[in-house]
Amino acid sequence: SKLQWHPFTVTSSSNTDPETLSIVIKSEGSWSSELYQKLSSSSSTYSLEISVEGPYGPAATHFLRCM
């Protein structure tokens, strides 16, 4: 569904190419498993349109205390 929520994590963005974004997706259910199969296939070109929201919750100013 287009309105489902999935715990993806943004891991990097590119300063040299503003259209590049790296994310980590845990392949857990049927939807994320199908997404993984499509994105990892080297035999086809796949375009993906996404929406990014957040962050939610307070920012961790002292990240070492969170460990």
PDB file of N, CA and C in Angstrom:
ATOM      1  N   SER A   1       0.831  -1.192   0.000  1.00  0.00           N
ATOM      2  CA  SER A   1       0.000   0.000   0.000  1.00  0.00           C
ATOM      3  C   SER A   1       0.869   1.247   0.000  1.00  0.00           C
ATOM      4  N   LYS A   2       0.413   2.278  -0.668  1.00  0.00           N
ATOM      5  CA  LYS A   2       1.160   3.534  -0.706  1.00  0.00           C
ATOM      6  C   LYS A   2       1.149   4.244   0.643  1.00  0.00           C
ATOM      7  N   LEU A   3       0.236   3.869   1.534  1.00  0.00           N
ATOM      8  CA  LEU A   3       0.127   4.559   2.817  1.00  0.00           C
ATOM      9  C   LEU A   3       0.688   3.766   3.982  1.00  0.00           C
ATOM     10  N   GLN A   4       1.402   2.684   3.732  1.00  0.00           N
ATOM     11  CA  GLN A   4       2.023   1.923   4.806  1.00  0.00           C
ATOM     12  C   GLN A   4       3.288   2.626   5.278  1.00  0.00           C
ATOM     13  N   TRP A   5       3.640   2.386   6.528  1.00  0.00           N
ATOM     14  CA  TRP A   5       4.864   2.943   7.102  1.00  0.00           C
ATOM     15  C   TRP A   5       5.889   1.833   7.220  1.00  0.00           C
ATOM     16  N   HIS A   6       7.121   2.131   6.847  1.00  0.00           N
ATOM     17  CA  HIS A   6       8.195   1.144   6.897  1.00  0.00           C
ATOM     18  C   HIS A   6       9.427   1.793   7.513  1.00  0.00           C
ATOM     19  N   PRO A   7      10.110   1.086   8.424  1.00  0.00           N
ATOM     20  CA  PRO A   7      11.266   1.667   9.115  1.00  0.00           C
ATOM     21  C   PRO A   7      12.538   1.643   8.271  1.00  0.00           C
ATOM     22  N   PHE A   8      12.632   2.553   7.331  1.00  0.00           N
ATOM     23  CA  PHE A   8      13.832   2.697   6.520  1.00  0.00           C
ATOM     24  C   PHE A   8      14.720   3.738   7.170  1.00  0.00           C
ATOM     25  N   THR A   9      16.018   3.624   6.987  1.00  0.00           N
ATOM     26  CA  THR A   9      16.972   4.550   7.582  1.00  0.00           C
ATOM     27  C   THR A   9      17.806   5.210   6.499  1.00  0.00           C
ATOM     28  N   VAL A  10      17.836   6.540   6.509  1.00  0.00           N
ATOM     29  CA  VAL A  10      18.703   7.275   5.593  1.00  0.00           C
ATOM     30  C   VAL A  10      20.119   7.168   6.128  1.00  0.00           C
ATOM     31  N   THR A  11      21.048   6.673   5.301  1.00  0.00           N
ATOM     32  CA  THR A  11      22.419   6.483   5.760  1.00  0.00           C
ATOM     33  C   THR A  11      23.385   7.510   5.205  1.00  0.00           C
ATOM     34  N   SER A  12      23.059   8.138   4.080  1.00  0.00           N
ATOM     35  CA  SER A  12      23.938   9.173   3.538  1.00  0.00           C
ATOM     36  C   SER A  12      23.214   9.955   2.457  1.00  0.00           C
ATOM     37  N   SER A  13      23.725  11.142   2.217  1.00  0.00           N
ATOM     38  CA  SER A  13      23.284  11.940   1.079  1.00  0.00           C
ATOM     39  C   SER A  13      24.537  12.470   0.406  1.00  0.00           C
ATOM     40  N   SER A  14      24.431  12.768  -0.846  1.00  0.00           N
ATOM     41  CA  SER A  14      25.604  13.155  -1.619  1.00  0.00           C
ATOM     42  C   SER A  14      25.674  14.661  -1.794  1.00  0.00           C
ATOM     43  N   ASN A  15      26.825  15.244  -1.490  1.00  0.00           N
ATOM     44  CA  ASN A  15      27.039  16.668  -1.741  1.00  0.00           C
ATOM     45  C   ASN A  15      27.347  16.927  -3.205  1.00  0.00           C
ATOM     46  N   THR A  16      27.872  15.930  -3.901  1.00  0.00           N
ATOM     47  CA  THR A  16      28.238  16.116  -5.305  1.00  0.00           C
ATOM     48  C   THR A  16      27.076  15.859  -6.250  1.00  0.00           C
ATOM     49  N   ASP A  17      26.149  14.983  -5.872  1.00  0.00           N
ATOM     50  CA  ASP A  17      24.981  14.696  -6.700  1.00  0.00           C
ATOM     51  C   ASP A  17      23.730  14.858  -5.840  1.00  0.00           C
ATOM     52  N   PRO A  18      23.031  15.989  -5.954  1.00  0.00           N
ATOM     53  CA  PRO A  18      21.878  16.236  -5.088  1.00  0.00           C
ATOM     54  C   PRO A  18      20.712  15.272  -5.315  1.00  0.00           C
ATOM     55  N   GLU A  19      20.767  14.456  -6.339  1.00  0.00           N
ATOM     56  CA  GLU A  19      19.697  13.496  -6.598  1.00  0.00           C
ATOM     57  C   GLU A  19      20.030  12.100  -6.083  1.00  0.00           C
ATOM     58  N   THR A  20      21.091  11.969  -5.265  1.00  0.00           N
ATOM     59  CA  THR A  20      21.502  10.675  -4.730  1.00  0.00           C
ATOM     60  C   THR A  20      21.225  10.618  -3.233  1.00  0.00           C
ATOM     61  N   LEU A  21      20.607   9.524  -2.796  1.00  0.00           N
ATOM     62  CA  LEU A  21      20.293   9.299  -1.395  1.00  0.00           C
ATOM     63  C   LEU A  21      20.471   7.813  -1.115  1.00  0.00           C
ATOM     64  N   SER A  22      21.181   7.473  -0.045  1.00  0.00           N
ATOM     65  CA  SER A  22      21.367   6.066   0.330  1.00  0.00           C
ATOM     66  C   SER A  22      20.485   5.755   1.523  1.00  0.00           C
ATOM     67  N   ILE A  23      19.784   4.628   1.454  1.00  0.00           N
ATOM     68  CA  ILE A  23      18.925   4.209   2.553  1.00  0.00           C
ATOM     69  C   ILE A  23      19.159   2.735   2.853  1.00  0.00           C
ATOM     70  N   VAL A  24      18.847   2.334   4.094  1.00  0.00           N
ATOM     71  CA  VAL A  24      18.892   0.933   4.502  1.00  0.00           C
ATOM     72  C   VAL A  24      17.445   0.476   4.655  1.00  0.00           C
ATOM     73  N   ILE A  25      17.113  -0.635   4.003  1.00  0.00           N
ATOM     74  CA  ILE A  25      15.768  -1.196   4.057  1.00  0.00           C
ATOM     75  C   ILE A  25      15.871  -2.620   4.581  1.00  0.00           C
ATOM     76  N   LYS A  26      15.188  -2.916   5.678  1.00  0.00           N
ATOM     77  CA  LYS A  26      15.170  -4.284   6.193  1.00  0.00           C
ATOM     78  C   LYS A  26      14.090  -5.064   5.450  1.00  0.00           C
ATOM     79  N   SER A  27      14.506  -6.105   4.762  1.00  0.00           N
ATOM     80  CA  SER A  27      13.580  -6.946   4.005  1.00  0.00           C
ATOM     81  C   SER A  27      12.886  -7.878   4.983  1.00  0.00           C
ATOM     82  N   GLU A  28      11.684  -7.482   5.438  1.00  0.00           N
ATOM     83  CA  GLU A  28      11.014  -8.219   6.491  1.00  0.00           C
ATOM     84  C   GLU A  28       9.705  -8.862   6.037  1.00  0.00           C
ATOM     85  N   GLY A  29       8.900  -8.139   5.287  1.00  0.00           N
ATOM     86  CA  GLY A  29       7.617  -8.669   4.826  1.00  0.00           C
ATOM     87  C   GLY A  29       7.602  -8.825   3.321  1.00  0.00           C
ATOM     88  N   SER A  30       6.429  -9.121   2.788  1.00  0.00           N
ATOM     89  CA  SER A  30       6.328  -9.355   1.346  1.00  0.00           C
ATOM     90  C   SER A  30       6.601  -8.088   0.538  1.00  0.00           C
ATOM     91  N   TRP A  31       6.141  -6.915   1.019  1.00  0.00           N
ATOM     92  CA  TRP A  31       6.338  -5.673   0.276  1.00  0.00           C
ATOM     93  C   TRP A  31       7.812  -5.296   0.213  1.00  0.00           C
ATOM     94  N   SER A  32       8.501  -5.311   1.354  1.00  0.00           N
ATOM     95  CA  SER A  32       9.916  -4.932   1.354  1.00  0.00           C
ATOM     96  C   SER A  32      10.776  -5.997   0.671  1.00  0.00           C
ATOM     97  N   SER A  33      10.362  -7.255   0.712  1.00  0.00           N
ATOM     98  CA  SER A  33      11.096  -8.307  -0.011  1.00  0.00           C
ATOM     99  C   SER A  33      10.979  -8.113  -1.516  1.00  0.00           C
ATOM    100  N   GLU A  34       9.786  -7.752  -1.998  1.00  0.00           N
ATOM    101  CA  GLU A  34       9.604  -7.486  -3.426  1.00  0.00           C
ATOM    102  C   GLU A  34      10.392  -6.253  -3.852  1.00  0.00           C
ATOM    103  N   LEU A  35      10.411  -5.224  -3.006  1.00  0.00           N
ATOM    104  CA  LEU A  35      11.192  -4.021  -3.295  1.00  0.00           C
ATOM    105  C   LEU A  35      12.671  -4.370  -3.413  1.00  0.00           C
ATOM    106  N   TYR A  36      13.178  -5.182  -2.505  1.00  0.00           N
ATOM    107  CA  TYR A  36      14.578  -5.613  -2.556  1.00  0.00           C
ATOM    108  C   TYR A  36      14.881  -6.338  -3.862  1.00  0.00           C
ATOM    109  N   GLN A  37      14.004  -7.256  -4.251  1.00  0.00           N
ATOM    110  CA  GLN A  37      14.223  -8.018  -5.483  1.00  0.00           C
ATOM    111  C   GLN A  37      14.281  -7.098  -6.700  1.00  0.00           C
ATOM    112  N   LYS A  38      13.395  -6.107  -6.760  1.00  0.00           N
ATOM    113  CA  LYS A  38      13.376  -5.186  -7.900  1.00  0.00           C
ATOM    114  C   LYS A  38      14.614  -4.304  -7.932  1.00  0.00           C
ATOM    115  N   LEU A  39      15.029  -3.796  -6.770  1.00  0.00           N
ATOM    116  CA  LEU A  39      16.170  -2.886  -6.729  1.00  0.00           C
ATOM    117  C   LEU A  39      17.501  -3.604  -6.902  1.00  0.00           C
ATOM    118  N   SER A  40      17.582  -4.870  -6.522  1.00  0.00           N
ATOM    119  CA  SER A  40      18.852  -5.591  -6.623  1.00  0.00           C
ATOM    120  C   SER A  40      19.023  -6.302  -7.962  1.00  0.00           C
ATOM    121  N   SER A  41      17.998  -6.303  -8.788  1.00  0.00           N
ATOM    122  CA  SER A  41      18.079  -6.956 -10.092  1.00  0.00           C
ATOM    123  C   SER A  41      18.953  -6.138 -11.034  1.00  0.00           C
ATOM    124  N   SER A  42      19.992  -6.774 -11.575  1.00  0.00           N
ATOM    125  CA  SER A  42      20.882  -6.070 -12.500  1.00  0.00           C
ATOM    126  C   SER A  42      20.372  -6.140 -13.935  1.00  0.00           C
ATOM    127  N   SER A  43      19.338  -6.935 -14.179  1.00  0.00           N
ATOM    128  CA  SER A  43      18.851  -7.119 -15.544  1.00  0.00           C
ATOM    129  C   SER A  43      17.847  -6.063 -15.983  1.00  0.00           C
ATOM    130  N   SER A  44      17.355  -5.254 -15.041  1.00  0.00           N
ATOM    131  CA  SER A  44      16.355  -4.264 -15.431  1.00  0.00           C
ATOM    132  C   SER A  44      16.615  -2.935 -14.733  1.00  0.00           C
ATOM    133  N   THR A  45      16.104  -1.888 -15.352  1.00  0.00           N
ATOM    134  CA  THR A  45      16.164  -0.559 -14.750  1.00  0.00           C
ATOM    135  C   THR A  45      14.844  -0.326 -14.041  1.00  0.00           C
ATOM    136  N   TYR A  46      14.918   0.111 -12.803  1.00  0.00           N
ATOM    137  CA  TYR A  46      13.715   0.306 -12.008  1.00  0.00           C
ATOM    138  C   TYR A  46      13.744   1.705 -11.423  1.00  0.00           C
ATOM    139  N   SER A  47      12.669   2.449 -11.592  1.00  0.00           N
ATOM    140  CA  SER A  47      12.563   3.795 -11.046  1.00  0.00           C
ATOM    141  C   SER A  47      11.659   3.746  -9.823  1.00  0.00           C
ATOM    142  N   LEU A  48      12.041   4.451  -8.780  1.00  0.00           N
ATOM    143  CA  LEU A  48      11.294   4.430  -7.533  1.00  0.00           C
ATOM    144  C   LEU A  48      11.038   5.854  -7.079  1.00  0.00           C
ATOM    145  N   GLU A  49       9.776   6.212  -6.912  1.00  0.00           N
ATOM    146  CA  GLU A  49       9.413   7.524  -6.386  1.00  0.00           C
ATOM    147  C   GLU A  49       9.097   7.356  -4.906  1.00  0.00           C
ATOM    148  N   ILE A  50       9.696   8.194  -4.067  1.00  0.00           N
ATOM    149  CA  ILE A  50       9.508   8.060  -2.623  1.00  0.00           C
ATOM    150  C   ILE A  50       9.108   9.391  -2.012  1.00  0.00           C
ATOM    151  N   SER A  51       8.572   9.322  -0.793  1.00  0.00           N
ATOM    152  CA  SER A  51       8.301  10.495   0.030  1.00  0.00           C
ATOM    153  C   SER A  51       9.066  10.311   1.330  1.00  0.00           C
ATOM    154  N   VAL A  52       9.696  11.364   1.804  1.00  0.00           N
ATOM    155  CA  VAL A  52      10.470  11.301   3.042  1.00  0.00           C
ATOM    156  C   VAL A  52       9.857  12.270   4.037  1.00  0.00           C
ATOM    157  N   GLU A  53       9.570  11.791   5.243  1.00  0.00           N
ATOM    158  CA  GLU A  53       9.023  12.618   6.310  1.00  0.00           C
ATOM    159  C   GLU A  53       9.906  12.488   7.541  1.00  0.00           C
ATOM    160  N   GLY A  54       9.732  13.392   8.467  1.00  0.00           N
ATOM    161  CA  GLY A  54      10.449  13.288   9.735  1.00  0.00           C
ATOM    162  C   GLY A  54      11.554  14.307   9.822  1.00  0.00           C
ATOM    163  N   PRO A  55      12.393  14.246  10.784  1.00  0.00           N
ATOM    164  CA  PRO A  55      12.507  13.196  11.797  1.00  0.00           C
ATOM    165  C   PRO A  55      11.431  13.337  12.870  1.00  0.00           C
ATOM    166  N   TYR A  56      11.204  12.270  13.578  1.00  0.00           N
ATOM    167  CA  TYR A  56      10.244  12.257  14.668  1.00  0.00           C
ATOM    168  C   TYR A  56      11.007  12.086  15.977  1.00  0.00           C
ATOM    169  N   GLY A  57      10.556  12.752  17.005  1.00  0.00           N
ATOM    170  CA  GLY A  57      11.219  12.677  18.300  1.00  0.00           C
ATOM    171  C   GLY A  57      12.330  13.695  18.418  1.00  0.00           C
ATOM    172  N   PRO A  58      12.848  13.864  19.628  1.00  0.00           N
ATOM    173  CA  PRO A  58      13.906  14.860  19.847  1.00  0.00           C
ATOM    174  C   PRO A  58      15.237  14.417  19.247  1.00  0.00           C
ATOM    175  N   ALA A  59      16.025  15.385  18.865  1.00  0.00           N
ATOM    176  CA  ALA A  59      17.370  15.094  18.361  1.00  0.00           C
ATOM    177  C   ALA A  59      18.268  14.689  19.523  1.00  0.00           C
ATOM    178  N   ALA A  60      19.148  13.729  19.297  1.00  0.00           N
ATOM    179  CA  ALA A  60      20.098  13.299  20.319  1.00  0.00           C
ATOM    180  C   ALA A  60      21.320  14.204  20.242  1.00  0.00           C
ATOM    181  N   THR A  61      21.432  15.147  21.186  1.00  0.00           N
ATOM    182  CA  THR A  61      22.566  16.065  21.167  1.00  0.00           C
ATOM    183  C   THR A  61      23.814  15.417  21.742  1.00  0.00           C
ATOM    184  N   HIS A  62      23.636  14.453  22.630  1.00  0.00           N
ATOM    185  CA  HIS A  62      24.770  13.737  23.221  1.00  0.00           C
ATOM    186  C   HIS A  62      24.652  12.273  22.810  1.00  0.00           C
ATOM    187  N   PHE A  63      25.030  11.982  21.554  1.00  0.00           N
ATOM    188  CA  PHE A  63      24.803  10.645  21.013  1.00  0.00           C
ATOM    189  C   PHE A  63      25.571   9.561  21.749  1.00  0.00           C
ATOM    190  N   LEU A  64      26.701   9.881  22.383  1.00  0.00           N
ATOM    191  CA  LEU A  64      27.460   8.857  23.106  1.00  0.00           C
ATOM    192  C   LEU A  64      26.731   8.407  24.369  1.00  0.00           C
ATOM    193  N   ARG A  65      25.874   9.249  24.920  1.00  0.00           N
ATOM    194  CA  ARG A  65      25.099   8.869  26.104  1.00  0.00           C
ATOM    195  C   ARG A  65      23.985   7.888  25.759  1.00  0.00           C
ATOM    196  N   CYS A  66      23.648   7.769  24.492  1.00  0.00           N
ATOM    197  CA  CYS A  66      22.572   6.876  24.061  1.00  0.00           C
ATOM    198  C   CYS A  66      23.020   5.426  23.993  1.00  0.00           C
ATOM    199  N   MET A  67      24.303   5.179  24.087  1.00  0.00           N
ATOM    200  CA  MET A  67      24.809   3.816  23.930  1.00  0.00           C
ATOM    201  C   MET A  67      24.800   3.077  25.237  1.00  0.00           C
TER     202      MET A  67
END
